[in-house]
Amino acid sequence: MFGQLIEELKSTISFEDKDKFIEKCMELNKHRIDIVHRLTTRSSLANLEIQLLKVKELYDAIYELFDDIHDWFRLCFKDFKKDKFLDYSIDEFES
């Protein structure tokens, strides 16, 4: 499912750092697949702990990127809404 969401994201509108965001999400998905599919065959949790520390760093980087991208979208849509869609007052619409 996560891989499908990444593929869908690839075909959406462009935005700053989109490629970097997708790249990091794909890397996270590779770790997710590896952890889940090999979980029952691991003889030790030591390597899993090392991998999970890498995943945590990757997750934090993705979250920071997402936060920046989200702020950019909020600013764009705020201005777009203000400039394009408010040709009438809210009171007129509710009547």
N, C-alpha and C. Protein backbone atom coordinates (compact mmCIF):
# COMPACT_ATOMS: atom_id res chain seq x y z
N MET A 1 0.81 -1.20 0.00
CA MET A 1 0.00 0.00 0.00
C MET A 1 0.87 1.27 0.00
N PHE A 2 1.91 1.29 0.83
CA PHE A 2 2.78 2.46 0.90
C PHE A 2 3.46 2.69 -0.44
N GLY A 3 3.90 1.61 -1.07
CA GLY A 3 4.52 1.71 -2.40
C GLY A 3 3.56 2.26 -3.44
N GLN A 4 2.31 1.86 -3.35
CA GLN A 4 1.29 2.38 -4.28
C GLN A 4 1.07 3.87 -4.07
N LEU A 5 1.08 4.31 -2.83
CA LEU A 5 0.92 5.74 -2.55
C LEU A 5 2.10 6.55 -3.10
N ILE A 6 3.30 5.99 -2.99
CA ILE A 6 4.48 6.66 -3.55
C ILE A 6 4.35 6.78 -5.06
N GLU A 7 3.92 5.70 -5.71
CA GLU A 7 3.74 5.73 -7.17
C GLU A 7 2.68 6.76 -7.57
N GLU A 8 1.63 6.87 -6.80
CA GLU A 8 0.59 7.86 -7.08
C GLU A 8 1.13 9.28 -6.91
N LEU A 9 1.94 9.48 -5.90
CA LEU A 9 2.54 10.79 -5.65
C LEU A 9 3.42 11.22 -6.82
N LYS A 10 4.10 10.26 -7.45
CA LYS A 10 4.97 10.58 -8.58
C LYS A 10 4.21 11.25 -9.73
N SER A 11 2.92 10.93 -9.87
CA SER A 11 2.15 11.47 -11.00
C SER A 11 1.32 12.70 -10.65
N THR A 12 1.53 13.25 -9.46
CA THR A 12 0.78 14.44 -9.07
C THR A 12 1.55 15.70 -9.44
N ILE A 13 1.02 16.84 -9.05
CA ILE A 13 1.64 18.12 -9.39
C ILE A 13 3.05 18.21 -8.82
N SER A 14 3.84 19.05 -9.43
CA SER A 14 5.21 19.25 -8.97
C SER A 14 5.23 20.24 -7.81
N PHE A 15 6.19 20.06 -6.95
CA PHE A 15 6.42 20.99 -5.85
C PHE A 15 7.88 20.88 -5.45
N GLU A 16 8.35 21.87 -4.75
CA GLU A 16 9.75 21.90 -4.34
C GLU A 16 10.10 20.69 -3.48
N ASP A 17 11.22 20.07 -3.78
CA ASP A 17 11.74 18.91 -3.06
C ASP A 17 10.89 17.65 -3.23
N LYS A 18 10.04 17.61 -4.25
CA LYS A 18 9.21 16.43 -4.48
C LYS A 18 10.07 15.20 -4.72
N ASP A 19 11.08 15.32 -5.58
CA ASP A 19 11.95 14.18 -5.88
C ASP A 19 12.68 13.69 -4.63
N LYS A 20 13.16 14.61 -3.83
CA LYS A 20 13.86 14.26 -2.59
C LYS A 20 12.90 13.55 -1.62
N PHE A 21 11.69 14.06 -1.52
CA PHE A 21 10.67 13.47 -0.64
C PHE A 21 10.35 12.05 -1.09
N ILE A 22 10.13 11.87 -2.39
CA ILE A 22 9.80 10.54 -2.93
C ILE A 22 10.97 9.58 -2.72
N GLU A 23 12.18 10.05 -2.96
CA GLU A 23 13.37 9.21 -2.78
C GLU A 23 13.47 8.70 -1.35
N LYS A 24 13.27 9.59 -0.39
CA LYS A 24 13.36 9.19 1.02
C LYS A 24 12.21 8.25 1.40
N CYS A 25 11.03 8.49 0.85
CA CYS A 25 9.89 7.60 1.13
C CYS A 25 10.13 6.21 0.55
N MET A 26 10.74 6.14 -0.63
CA MET A 26 11.05 4.84 -1.23
C MET A 26 12.09 4.10 -0.39
N GLU A 27 13.06 4.83 0.13
CA GLU A 27 14.06 4.21 1.00
C GLU A 27 13.41 3.68 2.28
N LEU A 28 12.50 4.47 2.85
CA LEU A 28 11.77 4.02 4.04
C LEU A 28 10.96 2.77 3.73
N ASN A 29 10.34 2.73 2.56
CA ASN A 29 9.53 1.58 2.17
C ASN A 29 10.41 0.33 2.03
N LYS A 30 11.62 0.47 1.52
CA LYS A 30 12.53 -0.68 1.41
C LYS A 30 12.84 -1.24 2.79
N HIS A 31 13.11 -0.35 3.73
CA HIS A 31 13.36 -0.80 5.10
C HIS A 31 12.13 -1.48 5.68
N ARG A 32 10.97 -0.90 5.44
CA ARG A 32 9.72 -1.47 5.96
C ARG A 32 9.52 -2.89 5.42
N ILE A 33 9.71 -3.06 4.14
CA ILE A 33 9.54 -4.38 3.52
C ILE A 33 10.54 -5.37 4.11
N ASP A 34 11.79 -4.95 4.22
CA ASP A 34 12.83 -5.82 4.77
C ASP A 34 12.52 -6.23 6.20
N ILE A 35 12.13 -5.28 7.02
CA ILE A 35 11.84 -5.58 8.42
C ILE A 35 10.66 -6.53 8.55
N VAL A 36 9.60 -6.24 7.85
CA VAL A 36 8.38 -7.05 7.98
C VAL A 36 8.57 -8.46 7.43
N HIS A 37 9.20 -8.57 6.28
CA HIS A 37 9.32 -9.89 5.65
C HIS A 37 10.39 -10.77 6.28
N ARG A 38 11.34 -10.18 6.98
CA ARG A 38 12.40 -10.98 7.60
C ARG A 38 12.24 -11.07 9.12
N LEU A 39 11.19 -10.53 9.65
CA LEU A 39 11.04 -10.46 11.10
C LEU A 39 11.08 -11.83 11.77
N THR A 40 10.38 -12.79 11.21
CA THR A 40 10.31 -14.11 11.84
C THR A 40 11.56 -14.96 11.59
N THR A 41 12.41 -14.57 10.66
CA THR A 41 13.61 -15.36 10.37
C THR A 41 14.86 -14.82 11.06
N ARG A 42 14.76 -13.72 11.75
CA ARG A 42 15.92 -13.14 12.43
C ARG A 42 16.29 -13.97 13.64
N SER A 43 17.59 -14.18 13.79
CA SER A 43 18.06 -14.93 14.96
C SER A 43 18.47 -13.99 16.10
N SER A 44 18.66 -12.70 15.74
CA SER A 44 19.09 -11.72 16.73
C SER A 44 18.39 -10.40 16.46
N LEU A 45 18.16 -9.67 17.52
CA LEU A 45 17.54 -8.36 17.37
C LEU A 45 18.56 -7.24 17.25
N ALA A 46 19.84 -7.57 17.33
CA ALA A 46 20.89 -6.55 17.27
C ALA A 46 20.89 -5.83 15.93
N ASN A 47 20.84 -6.58 14.83
CA ASN A 47 20.82 -5.92 13.51
C ASN A 47 19.52 -5.14 13.33
N LEU A 48 18.45 -5.66 13.88
CA LEU A 48 17.17 -4.96 13.76
C LEU A 48 17.25 -3.60 14.46
N GLU A 49 17.88 -3.56 15.60
CA GLU A 49 18.03 -2.29 16.33
C GLU A 49 18.83 -1.28 15.51
N ILE A 50 19.90 -1.73 14.88
CA ILE A 50 20.70 -0.85 14.02
C ILE A 50 19.86 -0.33 12.87
N GLN A 51 19.11 -1.23 12.25
CA GLN A 51 18.26 -0.82 11.13
C GLN A 51 17.17 0.15 11.58
N LEU A 52 16.61 -0.09 12.73
CA LEU A 52 15.55 0.79 13.24
C LEU A 52 16.08 2.18 13.58
N LEU A 53 17.32 2.27 14.02
CA LEU A 53 17.92 3.59 14.27
C LEU A 53 18.06 4.36 12.95
N LYS A 54 18.43 3.66 11.88
CA LYS A 54 18.50 4.29 10.56
C LYS A 54 17.12 4.73 10.10
N VAL A 55 16.14 3.88 10.35
CA VAL A 55 14.76 4.19 9.97
C VAL A 55 14.27 5.43 10.71
N LYS A 56 14.60 5.54 11.97
CA LYS A 56 14.20 6.71 12.77
C LYS A 56 14.80 7.99 12.20
N GLU A 57 16.08 7.96 11.83
CA GLU A 57 16.72 9.13 11.21
C GLU A 57 16.03 9.47 9.89
N LEU A 58 15.74 8.45 9.10
CA LEU A 58 15.08 8.65 7.82
C LEU A 58 13.67 9.22 8.02
N TYR A 59 12.94 8.67 8.98
CA TYR A 59 11.60 9.17 9.29
C TYR A 59 11.65 10.65 9.69
N ASP A 60 12.60 11.01 10.52
CA ASP A 60 12.72 12.41 10.95
C ASP A 60 13.01 13.33 9.76
N ALA A 61 13.85 12.87 8.85
CA ALA A 61 14.16 13.67 7.65
C ALA A 61 12.92 13.81 6.77
N ILE A 62 12.15 12.74 6.63
CA ILE A 62 10.92 12.78 5.83
C ILE A 62 9.92 13.72 6.49
N TYR A 63 9.78 13.63 7.80
CA TYR A 63 8.83 14.49 8.51
C TYR A 63 9.19 15.96 8.33
N GLU A 64 10.47 16.28 8.43
CA GLU A 64 10.91 17.66 8.27
C GLU A 64 10.62 18.15 6.84
N LEU A 65 10.91 17.31 5.84
CA LEU A 65 10.59 17.66 4.46
C LEU A 65 9.09 17.87 4.28
N PHE A 66 8.30 16.93 4.83
CA PHE A 66 6.84 17.04 4.73
C PHE A 66 6.35 18.34 5.34
N ASP A 67 6.88 18.68 6.48
CA ASP A 67 6.47 19.91 7.17
C ASP A 67 6.75 21.14 6.31
N ASP A 68 7.93 21.18 5.68
CA ASP A 68 8.27 22.30 4.79
C ASP A 68 7.35 22.33 3.57
N ILE A 69 7.10 21.17 2.98
CA ILE A 69 6.22 21.08 1.80
C ILE A 69 4.80 21.48 2.18
N HIS A 70 4.35 21.03 3.32
CA HIS A 70 3.00 21.36 3.78
C HIS A 70 2.84 22.86 3.99
N ASP A 71 3.84 23.48 4.60
CA ASP A 71 3.81 24.94 4.78
C ASP A 71 3.73 25.66 3.44
N TRP A 72 4.51 25.18 2.46
CA TRP A 72 4.49 25.79 1.13
C TRP A 72 3.10 25.70 0.51
N PHE A 73 2.47 24.54 0.59
CA PHE A 73 1.12 24.38 0.05
C PHE A 73 0.12 25.27 0.78
N ARG A 74 0.23 25.34 2.10
CA ARG A 74 -0.69 26.19 2.86
C ARG A 74 -0.57 27.65 2.42
N LEU A 75 0.64 28.13 2.24
CA LEU A 75 0.84 29.51 1.79
C LEU A 75 0.27 29.72 0.39
N CYS A 76 0.51 28.77 -0.49
CA CYS A 76 0.00 28.90 -1.87
C CYS A 76 -1.52 28.93 -1.90
N PHE A 77 -2.16 28.01 -1.18
CA PHE A 77 -3.61 27.95 -1.22
C PHE A 77 -4.25 29.11 -0.46
N LYS A 78 -3.59 29.59 0.56
CA LYS A 78 -4.13 30.75 1.29
C LYS A 78 -4.22 31.93 0.34
N ASP A 79 -3.16 32.19 -0.41
CA ASP A 79 -3.15 33.30 -1.36
C ASP A 79 -4.12 33.06 -2.50
N PHE A 80 -4.18 31.83 -2.97
CA PHE A 80 -5.08 31.51 -4.07
C PHE A 80 -6.53 31.72 -3.64
N LYS A 81 -6.87 31.25 -2.47
CA LYS A 81 -8.23 31.42 -1.95
C LYS A 81 -8.56 32.90 -1.82
N LYS A 82 -7.64 33.64 -1.25
CA LYS A 82 -7.87 35.07 -1.03
C LYS A 82 -8.07 35.80 -2.36
N ASP A 83 -7.27 35.46 -3.35
CA ASP A 83 -7.29 36.19 -4.61
C ASP A 83 -8.33 35.70 -5.61
N LYS A 84 -8.71 34.44 -5.57
CA LYS A 84 -9.51 33.88 -6.66
C LYS A 84 -10.94 33.52 -6.29
N PHE A 85 -11.17 33.04 -5.09
CA PHE A 85 -12.47 32.47 -4.78
C PHE A 85 -13.39 33.35 -3.95
N LEU A 86 -12.90 34.44 -3.46
CA LEU A 86 -13.76 35.25 -2.61
C LEU A 86 -14.29 36.47 -3.36
N ASP A 87 -14.97 36.22 -4.47
CA ASP A 87 -15.61 37.30 -5.24
C ASP A 87 -16.94 37.68 -4.63
N TYR A 88 -17.37 36.98 -3.63
CA TYR A 88 -18.63 37.25 -2.95
C TYR A 88 -18.39 37.13 -1.45
N SER A 89 -19.27 37.70 -0.69
CA SER A 89 -19.11 37.61 0.76
C SER A 89 -19.75 36.32 1.26
N ILE A 90 -19.33 35.89 2.40
CA ILE A 90 -19.88 34.67 3.00
C ILE A 90 -21.36 34.87 3.31
N ASP A 91 -21.76 36.07 3.71
CA ASP A 91 -23.17 36.34 4.02
C ASP A 91 -24.04 36.12 2.79
N GLU A 92 -23.60 36.54 1.62
CA GLU A 92 -24.38 36.34 0.41
C GLU A 92 -24.54 34.87 0.09
N PHE A 93 -23.49 34.07 0.35
CA PHE A 93 -23.53 32.66 0.05
C PHE A 93 -24.50 31.92 0.97
N GLU A 94 -24.56 32.31 2.22
CA GLU A 94 -25.39 31.62 3.20
C GLU A 94 -26.88 31.97 3.05
N SER A 95 -27.22 33.03 2.38
CA SER A 95 -28.62 33.44 2.25
C SER A 95 -29.42 32.54 1.36
